[in-house]
N, C-alpha and C. Protein backbone atom coordinates (compact mmCIF):
# COMPACT_ATOMS: atom_id res chain seq x y z
N LYS A 1 0.80 -1.24 -0.08
CA LYS A 1 -0.15 -0.19 -0.10
C LYS A 1 0.78 1.45 -0.06
N VAL A 2 2.05 1.16 0.77
CA VAL A 2 3.10 2.19 0.40
C VAL A 2 4.03 2.48 -0.79
N LYS A 3 3.76 1.46 -1.66
CA LYS A 3 4.86 1.42 -2.74
C LYS A 3 4.42 3.01 -3.57
N PRO A 4 3.31 3.21 -3.93
CA PRO A 4 3.13 4.26 -4.93
C PRO A 4 3.19 5.65 -4.01
N GLN A 5 3.32 5.47 -2.79
CA GLN A 5 4.01 6.77 -2.07
C GLN A 5 5.14 7.02 -2.21
N LEU A 6 6.01 5.97 -2.41
CA LEU A 6 7.57 6.10 -2.33
C LEU A 6 7.69 6.36 -3.77
N GLU A 7 7.13 5.91 -4.57
CA GLU A 7 7.25 6.09 -6.05
C GLU A 7 7.24 7.58 -6.67
N GLU A 8 6.11 7.93 -5.70
CA GLU A 8 5.81 9.31 -6.02
C GLU A 8 7.04 10.32 -5.27
N LYS A 9 7.56 9.85 -4.44
CA LYS A 9 8.45 10.66 -3.68
C LYS A 9 9.75 10.75 -4.41
N GLU A 10 10.20 9.28 -4.91
CA GLU A 10 11.29 9.17 -5.64
C GLU A 10 11.33 9.49 -7.22
N GLY A 11 10.04 9.80 -7.70
CA GLY A 11 10.02 9.96 -9.24
C GLY A 11 10.45 9.08 -10.13
N LYS A 12 10.27 7.58 -9.67
CA LYS A 12 10.50 6.42 -10.50
C LYS A 12 9.65 5.39 -10.09
N THR A 13 9.50 4.49 -10.74
CA THR A 13 8.74 2.95 -10.21
C THR A 13 9.78 2.04 -9.89
N PHE A 14 9.45 0.99 -9.02
CA PHE A 14 10.35 -0.04 -8.73
C PHE A 14 9.58 -1.38 -9.35
N ASP A 15 10.29 -2.32 -10.25
CA ASP A 15 9.85 -3.27 -10.76
C ASP A 15 9.81 -4.27 -9.43
N VAL A 16 10.54 -4.36 -8.79
CA VAL A 16 10.93 -5.28 -7.50
C VAL A 16 10.51 -4.65 -6.39
N PHE A 17 9.95 -5.07 -5.41
CA PHE A 17 9.29 -4.24 -4.23
C PHE A 17 8.86 -5.29 -3.17
N THR A 18 10.01 -6.10 -2.60
CA THR A 18 9.72 -6.89 -1.54
C THR A 18 10.32 -6.94 0.05
N ALA A 19 9.46 -6.92 1.16
CA ALA A 19 9.56 -6.94 2.08
C ALA A 19 10.51 -8.05 2.66
N VAL A 20 12.00 -7.47 3.41
CA VAL A 20 12.45 -8.88 3.70
C VAL A 20 12.53 -8.76 5.23
N GLU A 21 12.20 -7.75 6.01
CA GLU A 21 12.28 -7.61 7.28
C GLU A 21 11.19 -6.49 7.77
N TYR A 22 11.10 -6.79 8.91
CA TYR A 22 10.21 -5.61 9.77
C TYR A 22 10.08 -5.46 11.31
N LYS A 23 10.24 -4.36 11.83
CA LYS A 23 10.01 -4.35 13.23
C LYS A 23 8.94 -3.18 13.40
N SER A 24 8.28 -3.66 14.57
CA SER A 24 7.12 -2.66 14.98
C SER A 24 7.52 -1.69 15.93
N GLN A 25 6.75 -0.76 16.51
CA GLN A 25 6.90 0.35 17.68
C GLN A 25 5.41 0.73 17.84
N THR A 26 4.93 0.48 19.06
CA THR A 26 3.57 0.88 19.36
C THR A 26 3.69 2.46 19.94
N VAL A 27 2.87 3.32 19.41
CA VAL A 27 2.75 4.62 19.69
C VAL A 27 1.33 5.05 19.47
N ALA A 28 0.88 6.09 19.31
CA ALA A 28 -0.63 6.16 19.48
C ALA A 28 -0.79 5.94 18.07
N GLY A 29 -0.77 4.65 17.78
CA GLY A 29 -0.71 3.93 16.49
C GLY A 29 0.52 3.06 16.24
N THR A 30 0.59 2.61 15.30
CA THR A 30 2.17 1.67 15.06
C THR A 30 3.14 2.24 13.97
N ASN A 31 4.28 2.16 14.19
CA ASN A 31 5.37 2.51 13.45
C ASN A 31 5.99 1.14 13.01
N PHE A 32 5.88 1.26 11.91
CA PHE A 32 6.82 -0.29 11.15
C PHE A 32 7.71 0.35 10.64
N PHE A 33 8.99 -0.25 10.56
CA PHE A 33 10.11 -0.18 9.90
C PHE A 33 10.32 -1.22 9.13
N ILE A 34 10.55 -1.22 7.93
CA ILE A 34 10.51 -2.02 6.99
C ILE A 34 11.64 -2.26 6.03
N LYS A 35 12.25 -3.07 5.61
CA LYS A 35 13.58 -3.23 5.02
C LYS A 35 12.92 -4.09 3.57
N VAL A 36 12.99 -3.12 2.47
CA VAL A 36 12.25 -3.69 1.23
C VAL A 36 13.46 -3.82 0.46
N TYR A 37 13.33 -4.74 -0.21
CA TYR A 37 14.55 -5.46 -1.65
C TYR A 37 13.68 -4.53 -2.99
N VAL A 38 14.60 -3.70 -3.48
CA VAL A 38 14.00 -2.94 -4.62
C VAL A 38 14.78 -3.43 -6.05
N GLY A 39 15.67 -4.40 -5.65
CA GLY A 39 16.31 -4.95 -7.14
C GLY A 39 17.83 -4.61 -7.01
N ASN A 40 18.35 -5.10 -7.88
CA ASN A 40 19.87 -4.42 -8.11
C ASN A 40 20.99 -4.32 -6.76
N ASP A 41 20.36 -5.43 -5.90
CA ASP A 41 21.13 -5.41 -4.70
C ASP A 41 20.91 -4.28 -3.92
N GLU A 42 19.78 -3.58 -4.12
CA GLU A 42 19.47 -2.25 -3.37
C GLU A 42 18.36 -2.45 -2.55
N PHE A 43 18.64 -1.89 -1.27
CA PHE A 43 17.15 -2.28 -0.57
C PHE A 43 16.90 -0.66 0.25
N VAL A 44 15.58 -0.29 0.54
CA VAL A 44 15.21 0.83 1.09
C VAL A 44 14.61 0.50 2.50
N HIS A 45 15.07 1.25 3.02
CA HIS A 45 14.24 1.17 4.71
C HIS A 45 13.41 2.13 5.01
N LEU A 46 12.09 1.64 4.97
CA LEU A 46 10.73 2.61 5.10
C LEU A 46 10.17 2.52 6.55
N ARG A 47 9.71 3.97 6.92
CA ARG A 47 8.91 4.14 8.30
C ARG A 47 7.67 4.42 7.82
N VAL A 48 6.91 3.06 8.20
CA VAL A 48 5.27 3.36 7.78
C VAL A 48 4.36 3.70 9.04
N PHE A 49 3.54 4.17 9.30
CA PHE A 49 2.65 4.76 10.12
C PHE A 49 1.07 4.19 10.12
N ARG A 50 0.59 3.33 11.12
CA ARG A 50 -0.63 2.72 11.08
C ARG A 50 -1.44 3.45 12.00
N SER A 51 -2.28 4.23 11.87
CA SER A 51 -3.19 5.05 12.84
C SER A 51 -3.88 3.96 13.66
N LEU A 52 -4.47 4.53 14.42
CA LEU A 52 -5.47 4.09 15.72
C LEU A 52 -6.92 3.22 14.65
N PRO A 53 -7.33 2.08 14.94
CA PRO A 53 -8.38 1.94 14.06
C PRO A 53 -9.54 2.50 14.02
N HIS A 54 -9.77 3.19 15.32
CA HIS A 54 -11.16 4.14 15.28
C HIS A 54 -10.89 5.62 14.07
N GLU A 55 -9.50 5.92 13.90
CA GLU A 55 -9.16 7.01 13.00
C GLU A 55 -9.38 6.73 11.46
N ASN A 56 -9.39 5.33 11.33
CA ASN A 56 -10.06 5.24 10.27
C ASN A 56 -9.26 5.93 9.06
N LYS A 57 -7.85 5.84 8.93
CA LYS A 57 -6.87 6.41 7.90
C LYS A 57 -6.15 5.69 7.61
N PRO A 58 -5.57 5.63 6.37
CA PRO A 58 -4.83 4.68 5.23
C PRO A 58 -3.34 4.89 6.03
N LEU A 59 -2.61 3.62 5.48
CA LEU A 59 -1.00 3.60 6.07
C LEU A 59 -0.31 4.86 5.43
N SER A 60 0.62 5.32 6.04
CA SER A 60 1.13 6.47 5.79
C SER A 60 2.67 6.16 5.34
N LEU A 61 3.23 6.50 4.31
CA LEU A 61 4.93 6.47 4.38
C LEU A 61 5.29 8.10 5.28
N HIS A 62 5.85 7.62 6.39
CA HIS A 62 6.55 8.91 6.87
C HIS A 62 7.83 9.22 6.53
N SER A 63 8.61 8.41 6.24
CA SER A 63 10.03 8.64 5.96
C SER A 63 10.63 7.18 5.31
N TYR A 64 11.98 7.52 4.72
CA TYR A 64 12.55 6.42 4.06
C TYR A 64 14.10 6.99 4.00
N GLN A 65 14.86 5.73 3.78
CA GLN A 65 16.41 5.82 3.77
C GLN A 65 16.39 4.83 2.64
N LYS A 66 17.47 5.56 1.79
CA LYS A 66 17.44 4.83 0.43
C LYS A 66 19.18 4.27 0.28
N SER A 67 19.53 3.47 -0.49
CA SER A 67 20.81 3.18 -0.87
C SER A 67 21.23 2.52 0.43
N LYS A 68 20.22 1.29 0.90
CA LYS A 68 20.82 0.33 2.06
C LYS A 68 21.27 -0.98 1.32
N ALA A 69 21.82 -1.83 1.92
CA ALA A 69 22.52 -3.22 1.71
C ALA A 69 21.89 -4.08 2.38
N ARG A 70 21.74 -5.06 1.96
CA ARG A 70 21.01 -6.35 3.06
C ARG A 70 21.53 -6.44 4.24
N HIS A 71 22.72 -6.25 4.63
CA HIS A 71 23.35 -6.47 5.81
C HIS A 71 23.15 -5.30 6.98
N ASP A 72 22.33 -3.98 6.13
CA ASP A 72 22.40 -2.91 7.03
C ASP A 72 21.20 -3.02 8.28
N GLU A 73 21.48 -2.78 9.27
CA GLU A 73 20.54 -3.26 10.45
C GLU A 73 19.31 -2.18 10.36
N LEU A 74 18.24 -2.79 10.43
CA LEU A 74 16.95 -2.01 10.57
C LEU A 74 16.97 -1.18 11.98
N THR A 75 16.71 -0.18 11.87
CA THR A 75 16.83 0.72 13.33
C THR A 75 15.70 1.69 13.28
N TYR A 76 15.55 2.44 14.17
CA TYR A 76 14.30 3.28 14.40
C TYR A 76 15.07 4.73 13.62
N PHE A 77 14.25 5.41 12.73
CA PHE A 77 15.01 6.64 12.13
C PHE A 77 13.60 7.68 12.16
């Protein structure tokens, strides 16, 4: 659901977009930190926010880090 948001921010499309790892953090909703394989040995770390159910809001891409490698640790950002 956040792939189009990242593609819009980056101004390009990703043929490959596969989540390989994630962590979550409970706040007033949930932050998900997701390591995504985007092809060519490149990874992107995403910070995705899911609001509380009663707020009825879609998932939102809060921030991201690009030019990551498979071995890069997925941490809070």
